[in-house]
């Protein structure tokens, strides 16, 4: 299973700083071996282009985790089924779930608690900005939601194609076997 805990602590600390708005740490993540963490940082900060990048580069799980941190119930359900429990607790902690905060603390996941704190700060700032009366709202992560649907459809289509290939291969095998059988029968009759 995939999850944030697969990354080195130093990278996660750089992620904490990047989510907090430090561009120098964002650049370190972009130029390092795991640019998906830079995209995740920006996705948490509401960047639709980062969400699209994550989907296109096979890091959909990070895009979905970002949406789970935002409180998207479908994303939380997916994280519950598709990622490790650490990631579910992280996403819930970002939404002030006290049990999840305690769980992260008890499991000595301090770097994730630091990340939760930065995400909470940003979400609070984002909500304050969103509530300002002179801000126009255009539907949130429309492109990211569209890309999520496309990704799910692609996954379903890939499964169907795999099943079709398997079915075709079995049919070809059966057909070849049936063609071989009549050819063998005259040989058997001639041998008698």
N, C-alpha and C. Protein backbone atom coordinates (compact mmCIF):
# COMPACT_ATOMS: atom_id res chain seq x y z
N UNK A 1 0.84 -1.20 0.00
CA UNK A 1 0.00 0.00 0.00
C UNK A 1 0.88 1.24 0.00
N UNK A 2 0.38 2.25 -0.66
CA UNK A 2 1.12 3.50 -0.73
C UNK A 2 0.75 4.38 0.45
N UNK A 3 1.65 5.33 0.76
CA UNK A 3 1.36 6.26 1.82
C UNK A 3 2.51 7.21 2.07
N UNK A 4 2.23 8.26 2.81
CA UNK A 4 3.25 9.26 3.12
C UNK A 4 4.42 8.67 3.89
N UNK A 5 4.17 7.63 4.67
CA UNK A 5 5.23 7.06 5.50
C UNK A 5 6.32 6.38 4.68
N UNK A 6 6.11 6.21 3.38
CA UNK A 6 7.15 5.62 2.53
C UNK A 6 8.28 6.60 2.25
N UNK A 7 8.05 7.88 2.52
CA UNK A 7 9.06 8.90 2.24
C UNK A 7 9.98 9.10 3.45
N UNK A 8 11.20 9.47 3.17
CA UNK A 8 12.17 9.78 4.20
C UNK A 8 11.69 10.98 5.03
N UNK A 9 12.04 10.99 6.31
CA UNK A 9 11.62 12.06 7.21
C UNK A 9 12.10 13.42 6.73
N UNK A 10 13.30 13.49 6.16
CA UNK A 10 13.82 14.77 5.67
C UNK A 10 12.95 15.33 4.55
N UNK A 11 12.47 14.45 3.69
CA UNK A 11 11.57 14.89 2.62
C UNK A 11 10.25 15.38 3.20
N UNK A 12 9.75 14.67 4.21
CA UNK A 12 8.49 15.09 4.83
C UNK A 12 8.65 16.43 5.55
N UNK A 13 9.82 16.67 6.14
CA UNK A 13 10.07 17.98 6.76
C UNK A 13 10.10 19.08 5.71
N UNK A 14 10.69 18.79 4.56
CA UNK A 14 10.68 19.76 3.45
C UNK A 14 9.24 20.00 2.99
N UNK A 15 8.43 18.94 2.98
CA UNK A 15 7.02 19.08 2.62
C UNK A 15 6.29 19.99 3.61
N UNK A 16 6.56 19.81 4.89
CA UNK A 16 5.96 20.66 5.93
C UNK A 16 6.25 22.13 5.63
N UNK A 17 7.51 22.44 5.36
CA UNK A 17 7.91 23.83 5.09
C UNK A 17 7.27 24.33 3.79
N UNK A 18 7.19 23.46 2.79
CA UNK A 18 6.59 23.85 1.52
C UNK A 18 5.11 24.16 1.66
N UNK A 19 4.38 23.33 2.41
CA UNK A 19 2.96 23.59 2.66
C UNK A 19 2.82 24.91 3.42
N UNK A 20 3.79 25.20 4.28
CA UNK A 20 3.77 26.45 5.04
C UNK A 20 4.08 27.68 4.19
N UNK A 21 4.42 27.47 2.91
CA UNK A 21 4.64 28.60 2.02
C UNK A 21 6.09 28.91 1.71
N UNK A 22 7.00 28.11 2.18
CA UNK A 22 8.43 28.35 1.93
C UNK A 22 8.80 27.88 0.53
N UNK A 23 9.06 28.83 -0.37
CA UNK A 23 9.37 28.48 -1.76
C UNK A 23 10.72 27.79 -1.90
N UNK A 24 11.67 28.09 -0.99
CA UNK A 24 12.97 27.43 -1.08
C UNK A 24 12.83 25.92 -0.87
N UNK A 25 11.96 25.51 0.04
CA UNK A 25 11.74 24.07 0.26
C UNK A 25 10.91 23.47 -0.87
N UNK A 26 10.00 24.27 -1.43
CA UNK A 26 9.25 23.79 -2.60
C UNK A 26 10.21 23.48 -3.74
N UNK A 27 11.18 24.36 -3.97
CA UNK A 27 12.16 24.15 -5.04
C UNK A 27 13.00 22.90 -4.77
N UNK A 28 13.35 22.66 -3.52
CA UNK A 28 14.11 21.46 -3.16
C UNK A 28 13.30 20.21 -3.54
N UNK A 29 12.00 20.24 -3.25
CA UNK A 29 11.15 19.09 -3.58
C UNK A 29 11.02 18.91 -5.09
N UNK A 30 10.84 20.01 -5.81
CA UNK A 30 10.68 19.93 -7.26
C UNK A 30 11.94 19.38 -7.92
N UNK A 31 13.09 19.80 -7.45
CA UNK A 31 14.35 19.40 -8.07
C UNK A 31 14.88 18.07 -7.54
N UNK A 32 14.27 17.56 -6.49
CA UNK A 32 14.73 16.31 -5.89
C UNK A 32 14.14 15.10 -6.60
N UNK A 33 14.35 13.94 -6.00
CA UNK A 33 13.89 12.70 -6.63
C UNK A 33 12.37 12.47 -6.52
N UNK A 34 11.68 13.30 -5.74
CA UNK A 34 10.24 13.10 -5.53
C UNK A 34 9.46 14.39 -5.77
N UNK A 35 9.37 14.83 -7.04
CA UNK A 35 8.63 16.07 -7.33
C UNK A 35 7.15 15.95 -7.02
N UNK A 36 6.66 14.72 -6.85
CA UNK A 36 5.24 14.55 -6.52
C UNK A 36 4.91 15.19 -5.17
N UNK A 37 5.90 15.28 -4.27
CA UNK A 37 5.66 15.93 -2.98
C UNK A 37 5.47 17.44 -3.15
N UNK A 38 6.17 18.02 -4.11
CA UNK A 38 5.97 19.45 -4.42
C UNK A 38 4.57 19.66 -4.97
N UNK A 39 4.15 18.77 -5.87
CA UNK A 39 2.80 18.87 -6.43
C UNK A 39 1.75 18.66 -5.34
N UNK A 40 2.01 17.72 -4.43
CA UNK A 40 1.09 17.49 -3.31
C UNK A 40 0.98 18.73 -2.43
N UNK A 41 2.11 19.37 -2.19
CA UNK A 41 2.13 20.61 -1.41
C UNK A 41 1.23 21.66 -2.05
N UNK A 42 1.37 21.83 -3.36
CA UNK A 42 0.55 22.81 -4.05
C UNK A 42 -0.91 22.37 -4.14
N UNK A 43 -1.15 21.08 -4.26
CA UNK A 43 -2.53 20.58 -4.30
C UNK A 43 -3.24 20.90 -2.99
N UNK A 44 -2.54 20.71 -1.88
CA UNK A 44 -3.11 21.05 -0.57
C UNK A 44 -3.45 22.53 -0.52
N UNK A 45 -2.64 23.34 -1.18
CA UNK A 45 -2.84 24.79 -1.19
C UNK A 45 -3.85 25.23 -2.25
N UNK A 46 -4.52 24.25 -2.87
CA UNK A 46 -5.62 24.57 -3.78
C UNK A 46 -5.24 24.77 -5.23
N UNK A 47 -4.07 24.31 -5.63
CA UNK A 47 -3.61 24.49 -7.01
C UNK A 47 -4.16 23.36 -7.89
N UNK A 48 -5.09 23.71 -8.77
CA UNK A 48 -5.69 22.72 -9.66
C UNK A 48 -4.67 22.11 -10.61
N UNK A 49 -3.70 22.90 -11.07
CA UNK A 49 -2.67 22.36 -11.97
C UNK A 49 -1.85 21.27 -11.29
N UNK A 50 -1.60 21.44 -10.00
CA UNK A 50 -0.87 20.41 -9.26
C UNK A 50 -1.70 19.13 -9.16
N UNK A 51 -3.00 19.28 -8.97
CA UNK A 51 -3.88 18.11 -8.93
C UNK A 51 -3.82 17.37 -10.26
N UNK A 52 -3.89 18.11 -11.34
CA UNK A 52 -3.85 17.51 -12.68
C UNK A 52 -2.51 16.80 -12.87
N UNK A 53 -1.41 17.44 -12.46
CA UNK A 53 -0.08 16.84 -12.60
C UNK A 53 -0.03 15.50 -11.85
N UNK A 54 -0.57 15.49 -10.63
CA UNK A 54 -0.54 14.25 -9.84
C UNK A 54 -1.28 13.13 -10.55
N UNK A 55 -2.43 13.42 -11.12
CA UNK A 55 -3.19 12.39 -11.84
C UNK A 55 -2.44 11.92 -13.08
N UNK A 56 -1.88 12.84 -13.82
CA UNK A 56 -1.22 12.48 -15.07
C UNK A 56 0.08 11.72 -14.85
N UNK A 57 0.70 11.87 -13.69
CA UNK A 57 1.98 11.21 -13.42
C UNK A 57 1.85 10.04 -12.44
N UNK A 58 0.66 9.44 -12.40
CA UNK A 58 0.41 8.24 -11.59
C UNK A 58 0.59 8.44 -10.09
N UNK A 59 0.25 9.63 -9.62
CA UNK A 59 0.24 9.90 -8.18
C UNK A 59 -1.17 10.33 -7.76
N UNK A 60 -2.16 9.66 -8.33
CA UNK A 60 -3.55 10.00 -8.02
C UNK A 60 -3.82 9.88 -6.52
N UNK A 61 -3.13 8.94 -5.88
CA UNK A 61 -3.35 8.74 -4.44
C UNK A 61 -3.01 10.00 -3.64
N UNK A 62 -2.02 10.77 -4.09
CA UNK A 62 -1.69 12.02 -3.39
C UNK A 62 -2.75 13.09 -3.66
N UNK A 63 -3.28 13.12 -4.87
CA UNK A 63 -4.35 14.07 -5.17
C UNK A 63 -5.59 13.76 -4.34
N UNK A 64 -5.90 12.48 -4.24
CA UNK A 64 -7.07 12.08 -3.45
C UNK A 64 -6.83 12.34 -1.97
N UNK A 65 -5.61 12.12 -1.51
CA UNK A 65 -5.27 12.43 -0.11
C UNK A 65 -5.43 13.92 0.16
N UNK A 66 -5.04 14.75 -0.80
CA UNK A 66 -5.23 16.20 -0.66
C UNK A 66 -6.72 16.54 -0.51
N UNK A 67 -7.55 15.92 -1.34
CA UNK A 67 -8.99 16.16 -1.23
C UNK A 67 -9.54 15.65 0.10
N UNK A 68 -8.99 14.55 0.60
CA UNK A 68 -9.42 14.02 1.90
C UNK A 68 -9.07 15.01 3.01
N UNK A 69 -7.90 15.63 2.90
CA UNK A 69 -7.51 16.65 3.89
C UNK A 69 -8.47 17.83 3.85
N UNK A 70 -9.04 18.06 2.68
CA UNK A 70 -10.02 19.14 2.50
C UNK A 70 -11.40 18.76 3.01
N UNK A 71 -11.58 17.49 3.38
CA UNK A 71 -12.86 17.05 3.94
C UNK A 71 -13.79 16.41 2.93
N UNK A 72 -13.33 16.12 1.73
CA UNK A 72 -14.15 15.48 0.71
C UNK A 72 -14.46 14.04 1.16
N UNK A 73 -15.73 13.74 1.40
CA UNK A 73 -16.13 12.44 1.95
C UNK A 73 -15.77 11.28 1.02
N UNK A 74 -15.95 11.46 -0.29
CA UNK A 74 -15.60 10.38 -1.22
C UNK A 74 -14.10 10.11 -1.17
N UNK A 75 -13.32 11.16 -1.07
CA UNK A 75 -11.87 10.99 -0.99
C UNK A 75 -11.49 10.28 0.32
N UNK A 76 -12.14 10.64 1.41
CA UNK A 76 -11.86 9.99 2.70
C UNK A 76 -12.19 8.51 2.61
N UNK A 77 -13.31 8.17 1.99
CA UNK A 77 -13.66 6.76 1.82
C UNK A 77 -12.61 6.02 1.00
N UNK A 78 -12.13 6.66 -0.07
CA UNK A 78 -11.10 6.03 -0.90
C UNK A 78 -9.81 5.83 -0.11
N UNK A 79 -9.42 6.85 0.66
CA UNK A 79 -8.20 6.75 1.48
C UNK A 79 -8.36 5.62 2.48
N UNK A 80 -9.55 5.49 3.05
CA UNK A 80 -9.82 4.41 4.01
C UNK A 80 -9.59 3.04 3.37
N UNK A 81 -10.00 2.90 2.10
CA UNK A 81 -9.88 1.61 1.41
C UNK A 81 -8.54 1.41 0.71
N UNK A 82 -7.93 2.50 0.21
CA UNK A 82 -6.80 2.36 -0.68
C UNK A 82 -5.44 2.72 -0.14
N UNK A 83 -5.38 3.35 1.03
CA UNK A 83 -4.08 3.75 1.59
C UNK A 83 -3.92 3.16 2.99
N UNK A 84 -2.76 3.37 3.55
CA UNK A 84 -2.48 2.84 4.88
C UNK A 84 -3.26 3.63 5.94
N UNK A 85 -3.47 3.04 7.12
CA UNK A 85 -4.18 3.73 8.20
C UNK A 85 -3.52 5.06 8.60
N UNK A 86 -2.21 5.15 8.45
CA UNK A 86 -1.50 6.39 8.78
C UNK A 86 -2.06 7.55 7.95
N UNK A 87 -2.30 7.30 6.68
CA UNK A 87 -2.79 8.35 5.80
C UNK A 87 -4.22 8.75 6.12
N UNK A 88 -5.03 7.77 6.48
CA UNK A 88 -6.40 8.08 6.90
C UNK A 88 -6.38 8.95 8.15
N UNK A 89 -5.56 8.56 9.13
CA UNK A 89 -5.46 9.35 10.36
C UNK A 89 -4.94 10.76 10.07
N UNK A 90 -3.99 10.86 9.15
CA UNK A 90 -3.45 12.16 8.77
C UNK A 90 -4.56 13.04 8.17
N UNK A 91 -5.32 12.49 7.22
CA UNK A 91 -6.39 13.27 6.57
C UNK A 91 -7.45 13.70 7.58
N UNK A 92 -7.82 12.79 8.47
CA UNK A 92 -8.83 13.14 9.48
C UNK A 92 -8.30 14.16 10.47
N UNK A 93 -7.02 14.04 10.82
CA UNK A 93 -6.42 15.01 11.74
C UNK A 93 -6.41 16.42 11.14
N UNK A 94 -6.25 16.50 9.83
CA UNK A 94 -6.29 17.81 9.16
C UNK A 94 -7.66 18.47 9.30
N UNK A 95 -8.67 17.68 9.60
CA UNK A 95 -10.03 18.18 9.80
C UNK A 95 -10.39 18.21 11.28
N UNK A 96 -9.39 18.27 12.15
CA UNK A 96 -9.55 18.44 13.60
C UNK A 96 -10.14 17.22 14.30
N UNK A 97 -9.91 16.03 13.78
CA UNK A 97 -10.38 14.82 14.43
C UNK A 97 -9.44 14.52 15.61
N UNK A 98 -9.94 14.67 16.82
CA UNK A 98 -9.12 14.55 18.03
C UNK A 98 -8.54 13.14 18.17
N UNK A 99 -9.33 12.12 17.87
CA UNK A 99 -8.83 10.74 17.97
C UNK A 99 -7.66 10.51 17.03
N UNK A 100 -7.74 11.07 15.84
CA UNK A 100 -6.65 10.90 14.87
C UNK A 100 -5.40 11.65 15.30
N UNK A 101 -5.58 12.83 15.88
CA UNK A 101 -4.43 13.58 16.40
C UNK A 101 -3.74 12.78 17.51
N UNK A 102 -4.55 12.21 18.41
CA UNK A 102 -3.99 11.40 19.49
C UNK A 102 -3.27 10.17 18.92
N UNK A 103 -3.87 9.54 17.91
CA UNK A 103 -3.29 8.35 17.30
C UNK A 103 -1.93 8.67 16.70
N UNK A 104 -1.83 9.78 15.97
CA UNK A 104 -0.55 10.18 15.37
C UNK A 104 0.49 10.45 16.47
N UNK A 105 0.05 11.08 17.55
CA UNK A 105 0.96 11.38 18.67
C UNK A 105 1.43 10.08 19.34
N UNK A 106 0.50 9.16 19.60
CA UNK A 106 0.84 7.91 20.26
C UNK A 106 1.78 7.04 19.42
N UNK A 107 1.68 7.17 18.11
CA UNK A 107 2.53 6.39 17.22
C UNK A 107 3.82 7.14 16.84
N UNK A 108 4.04 8.24 17.56
CA UNK A 108 5.29 9.01 17.40
C UNK A 108 5.52 9.46 15.96
N UNK A 109 4.46 9.97 15.35
CA UNK A 109 4.53 10.47 13.98
C UNK A 109 4.53 12.00 14.01
N UNK A 110 5.54 12.53 14.68
CA UNK A 110 5.64 13.98 14.89
C UNK A 110 5.71 14.77 13.60
N UNK A 111 6.39 14.24 12.59
CA UNK A 111 6.51 14.97 11.33
C UNK A 111 5.13 15.12 10.68
N UNK A 112 4.29 14.10 10.82
CA UNK A 112 2.93 14.22 10.27
C UNK A 112 2.08 15.18 11.10
N UNK A 113 2.33 15.24 12.40
CA UNK A 113 1.63 16.23 13.22
C UNK A 113 2.03 17.64 12.82
N UNK A 114 3.30 17.82 12.50
CA UNK A 114 3.75 19.13 12.02
C UNK A 114 3.07 19.47 10.69
N UNK A 115 2.95 18.47 9.83
CA UNK A 115 2.29 18.68 8.54
C UNK A 115 0.81 19.01 8.75
N UNK A 116 0.16 18.32 9.69
CA UNK A 116 -1.24 18.60 10.02
C UNK A 116 -1.38 20.06 10.44
N UNK A 117 -0.46 20.53 11.29
CA UNK A 117 -0.53 21.91 11.76
C UNK A 117 -0.45 22.90 10.59
N UNK A 118 0.45 22.64 9.65
CA UNK A 118 0.59 23.55 8.49
C UNK A 118 -0.65 23.49 7.59
N UNK A 119 -1.18 22.29 7.40
CA UNK A 119 -2.39 22.16 6.58
C UNK A 119 -3.54 22.89 7.24
N UNK A 120 -3.70 22.72 8.56
CA UNK A 120 -4.77 23.41 9.29
C UNK A 120 -4.64 24.92 9.16
N UNK A 121 -3.40 25.43 9.30
CA UNK A 121 -3.18 26.88 9.14
C UNK A 121 -3.63 27.35 7.77
N UNK A 122 -3.22 26.59 6.76
CA UNK A 122 -3.57 27.01 5.41
C UNK A 122 -5.08 26.93 5.18
N UNK A 123 -5.71 25.85 5.63
CA UNK A 123 -7.16 25.70 5.43
C UNK A 123 -7.93 26.80 6.16
N UNK A 124 -7.45 27.18 7.34
CA UNK A 124 -8.08 28.27 8.08
C UNK A 124 -7.95 29.58 7.31
N UNK A 125 -6.75 29.84 6.78
CA UNK A 125 -6.51 31.03 5.97
C UNK A 125 -7.39 31.00 4.72
N UNK A 126 -7.46 29.85 4.07
CA UNK A 126 -8.25 29.70 2.85
C UNK A 126 -9.73 29.95 3.14
N UNK A 127 -10.23 29.43 4.26
CA UNK A 127 -11.63 29.62 4.62
C UNK A 127 -11.91 31.10 4.92
N UNK A 128 -10.99 31.75 5.60
CA UNK A 128 -11.15 33.18 5.90
C UNK A 128 -11.22 33.98 4.60
N UNK A 129 -10.34 33.63 3.67
CA UNK A 129 -10.32 34.32 2.38
C UNK A 129 -11.59 34.02 1.59
N UNK A 130 -12.06 32.78 1.65
CA UNK A 130 -13.25 32.36 0.94
C UNK A 130 -14.49 33.08 1.47
N UNK A 131 -14.52 33.31 2.77
CA UNK A 131 -15.66 33.96 3.39
C UNK A 131 -15.70 35.47 3.16
N UNK A 132 -14.62 36.03 2.65
CA UNK A 132 -14.58 37.47 2.42
C UNK A 132 -15.66 37.81 1.41
N UNK A 133 -16.46 38.85 1.65
CA UNK A 133 -17.64 39.10 0.81
C UNK A 133 -17.34 39.50 -0.64
N UNK A 134 -16.12 39.89 -0.95
CA UNK A 134 -15.83 40.37 -2.30
C UNK A 134 -15.09 39.34 -3.15
N UNK A 135 -15.13 38.07 -2.73
CA UNK A 135 -14.45 37.01 -3.46
C UNK A 135 -15.49 36.28 -4.32
N UNK A 136 -15.15 36.08 -5.59
CA UNK A 136 -16.03 35.31 -6.49
C UNK A 136 -15.62 33.84 -6.41
N UNK A 137 -16.61 32.96 -6.37
CA UNK A 137 -16.34 31.52 -6.27
C UNK A 137 -16.72 30.85 -7.59
N UNK A 138 -15.81 30.06 -8.12
CA UNK A 138 -16.02 29.44 -9.42
C UNK A 138 -16.12 27.93 -9.38
N UNK A 139 -16.48 27.35 -8.27
CA UNK A 139 -16.73 25.91 -8.24
C UNK A 139 -15.59 25.06 -7.74
N UNK A 140 -14.58 25.64 -7.14
CA UNK A 140 -13.54 24.85 -6.49
C UNK A 140 -12.69 24.05 -7.45
N UNK A 141 -12.44 22.81 -7.10
CA UNK A 141 -11.53 21.94 -7.85
C UNK A 141 -12.25 21.26 -9.01
N UNK A 142 -12.87 22.01 -9.89
CA UNK A 142 -13.62 21.41 -10.98
C UNK A 142 -12.71 20.55 -11.86
N UNK A 143 -11.57 21.11 -12.28
CA UNK A 143 -10.66 20.36 -13.14
C UNK A 143 -10.14 19.12 -12.44
N UNK A 144 -9.82 19.27 -11.17
CA UNK A 144 -9.30 18.12 -10.43
C UNK A 144 -10.38 17.04 -10.31
N UNK A 145 -11.62 17.44 -10.06
CA UNK A 145 -12.70 16.46 -9.96
C UNK A 145 -12.91 15.78 -11.31
N UNK A 146 -12.83 16.56 -12.38
CA UNK A 146 -12.96 16.00 -13.73
C UNK A 146 -11.83 15.00 -14.00
N UNK A 147 -10.60 15.37 -13.62
CA UNK A 147 -9.46 14.47 -13.82
C UNK A 147 -9.59 13.21 -12.97
N UNK A 148 -10.13 13.35 -11.77
CA UNK A 148 -10.36 12.18 -10.92
C UNK A 148 -11.33 11.22 -11.61
N UNK A 149 -12.42 11.75 -12.16
CA UNK A 149 -13.37 10.91 -12.87
C UNK A 149 -12.73 10.24 -14.08
N UNK A 150 -11.92 11.00 -14.84
CA UNK A 150 -11.23 10.43 -16.00
C UNK A 150 -10.28 9.32 -15.56
N UNK A 151 -9.56 9.54 -14.46
CA UNK A 151 -8.64 8.54 -13.96
C UNK A 151 -9.39 7.27 -13.58
N UNK A 152 -10.52 7.43 -12.87
CA UNK A 152 -11.32 6.26 -12.48
C UNK A 152 -11.82 5.52 -13.72
N UNK A 153 -12.30 6.28 -14.73
CA UNK A 153 -12.76 5.65 -15.96
C UNK A 153 -11.62 4.90 -16.65
N UNK A 154 -10.42 5.50 -16.65
CA UNK A 154 -9.27 4.86 -17.27
C UNK A 154 -8.95 3.56 -16.54
N UNK A 155 -9.00 3.58 -15.21
CA UNK A 155 -8.74 2.37 -14.43
C UNK A 155 -9.76 1.28 -14.79
N UNK A 156 -11.04 1.66 -14.88
CA UNK A 156 -12.08 0.71 -15.24
C UNK A 156 -11.87 0.17 -16.66
N UNK A 157 -11.53 1.08 -17.59
CA UNK A 157 -11.29 0.65 -18.98
C UNK A 157 -10.09 -0.27 -19.07
N UNK A 158 -9.04 0.02 -18.30
CA UNK A 158 -7.86 -0.84 -18.30
C UNK A 158 -8.22 -2.25 -17.81
N UNK A 159 -9.05 -2.33 -16.78
CA UNK A 159 -9.48 -3.63 -16.26
C UNK A 159 -10.29 -4.37 -17.31
N UNK A 160 -11.20 -3.66 -17.99
CA UNK A 160 -12.01 -4.30 -19.02
C UNK A 160 -11.14 -4.80 -20.17
N UNK A 161 -10.17 -3.99 -20.59
CA UNK A 161 -9.27 -4.40 -21.67
C UNK A 161 -8.47 -5.63 -21.27
N UNK A 162 -8.01 -5.65 -20.03
CA UNK A 162 -7.25 -6.82 -19.54
C UNK A 162 -8.13 -8.06 -19.56
N UNK A 163 -9.38 -7.91 -19.13
CA UNK A 163 -10.30 -9.05 -19.14
C UNK A 163 -10.59 -9.50 -20.58
N UNK A 164 -10.76 -8.52 -21.49
CA UNK A 164 -10.99 -8.85 -22.90
C UNK A 164 -9.80 -9.60 -23.49
N UNK A 165 -8.58 -9.13 -23.18
CA UNK A 165 -7.38 -9.79 -23.68
C UNK A 165 -7.29 -11.22 -23.16
N UNK A 166 -7.60 -11.38 -21.88
CA UNK A 166 -7.56 -12.71 -21.28
C UNK A 166 -8.59 -13.62 -21.93
N UNK A 167 -9.78 -13.09 -22.14
CA UNK A 167 -10.85 -13.87 -22.78
C UNK A 167 -10.47 -14.24 -24.21
N UNK A 168 -9.93 -13.28 -24.96
CA UNK A 168 -9.50 -13.54 -26.34
C UNK A 168 -8.39 -14.57 -26.37
N UNK A 169 -7.44 -14.47 -25.46
CA UNK A 169 -6.35 -15.42 -25.40
C UNK A 169 -6.86 -16.83 -25.11
N UNK A 170 -7.82 -16.93 -24.20
CA UNK A 170 -8.40 -18.24 -23.88
C UNK A 170 -9.15 -18.80 -25.09
N UNK A 171 -9.89 -17.93 -25.79
CA UNK A 171 -10.62 -18.38 -26.98
C UNK A 171 -9.65 -18.84 -28.07
N UNK A 172 -8.58 -18.07 -28.27
CA UNK A 172 -7.57 -18.45 -29.25
C UNK A 172 -6.93 -19.79 -28.90
N UNK A 173 -6.64 -19.96 -27.63
CA UNK A 173 -6.04 -21.21 -27.17
C UNK A 173 -7.00 -22.38 -27.42
N UNK A 174 -8.27 -22.18 -27.09
CA UNK A 174 -9.28 -23.22 -27.28
C UNK A 174 -9.46 -23.53 -28.76
N UNK A 175 -9.49 -22.50 -29.57
CA UNK A 175 -9.64 -22.68 -31.02
C UNK A 175 -8.45 -23.44 -31.59
N UNK A 176 -7.24 -23.10 -31.17
CA UNK A 176 -6.04 -23.79 -31.65
C UNK A 176 -6.06 -25.25 -31.22
N UNK A 177 -6.50 -25.50 -30.01
CA UNK A 177 -6.58 -26.86 -29.51
C UNK A 177 -7.58 -27.67 -30.33
N UNK A 178 -8.72 -27.06 -30.67
CA UNK A 178 -9.74 -27.76 -31.46
C UNK A 178 -9.24 -28.03 -32.88
N UNK A 179 -8.47 -27.11 -33.43
CA UNK A 179 -7.92 -27.32 -34.78
C UNK A 179 -6.88 -28.42 -34.78
N UNK A 180 -6.13 -28.54 -33.72
CA UNK A 180 -5.12 -29.59 -33.62
C UNK A 180 -5.75 -30.97 -33.49
N UNK A 181 -6.87 -31.09 -32.80
CA UNK A 181 -7.52 -32.38 -32.56
C UNK A 181 -7.91 -33.09 -33.85
N UNK A 182 -8.64 -32.46 -34.80
CA UNK A 182 -8.98 -33.18 -36.03
C UNK A 182 -7.74 -33.59 -36.82
N UNK A 183 -6.70 -32.80 -36.79
CA UNK A 183 -5.48 -33.14 -37.51
C UNK A 183 -4.84 -34.39 -36.92
N UNK A 184 -4.97 -34.58 -35.63
CA UNK A 184 -4.37 -35.75 -34.98
C UNK A 184 -5.17 -37.02 -35.26
N UNK A 185 -6.47 -36.94 -35.37
CA UNK A 185 -7.31 -38.13 -35.53
C UNK A 185 -6.95 -38.95 -36.77
N UNK A 186 -6.79 -38.35 -37.96
CA UNK A 186 -6.39 -39.17 -39.11
C UNK A 186 -5.04 -39.85 -38.90
N UNK A 187 -4.12 -39.19 -38.21
CA UNK A 187 -2.82 -39.79 -37.95
C UNK A 187 -2.99 -41.04 -37.09
N UNK A 188 -3.88 -40.94 -36.10
CA UNK A 188 -4.13 -42.08 -35.22
C UNK A 188 -4.77 -43.23 -36.02
N UNK A 189 -5.68 -42.91 -36.91
CA UNK A 189 -6.35 -43.93 -37.71
C UNK A 189 -5.36 -44.57 -38.67
N UNK A 190 -4.46 -43.80 -39.25
CA UNK A 190 -3.48 -44.32 -40.19
C UNK A 190 -2.49 -45.22 -39.45
N UNK A 191 -2.21 -44.93 -38.23
CA UNK A 191 -1.25 -45.70 -37.45
C UNK A 191 -1.80 -47.08 -37.12
N UNK A 192 -3.09 -47.29 -37.08
CA UNK A 192 -3.69 -48.59 -36.74
C UNK A 192 -3.56 -49.45 -37.92
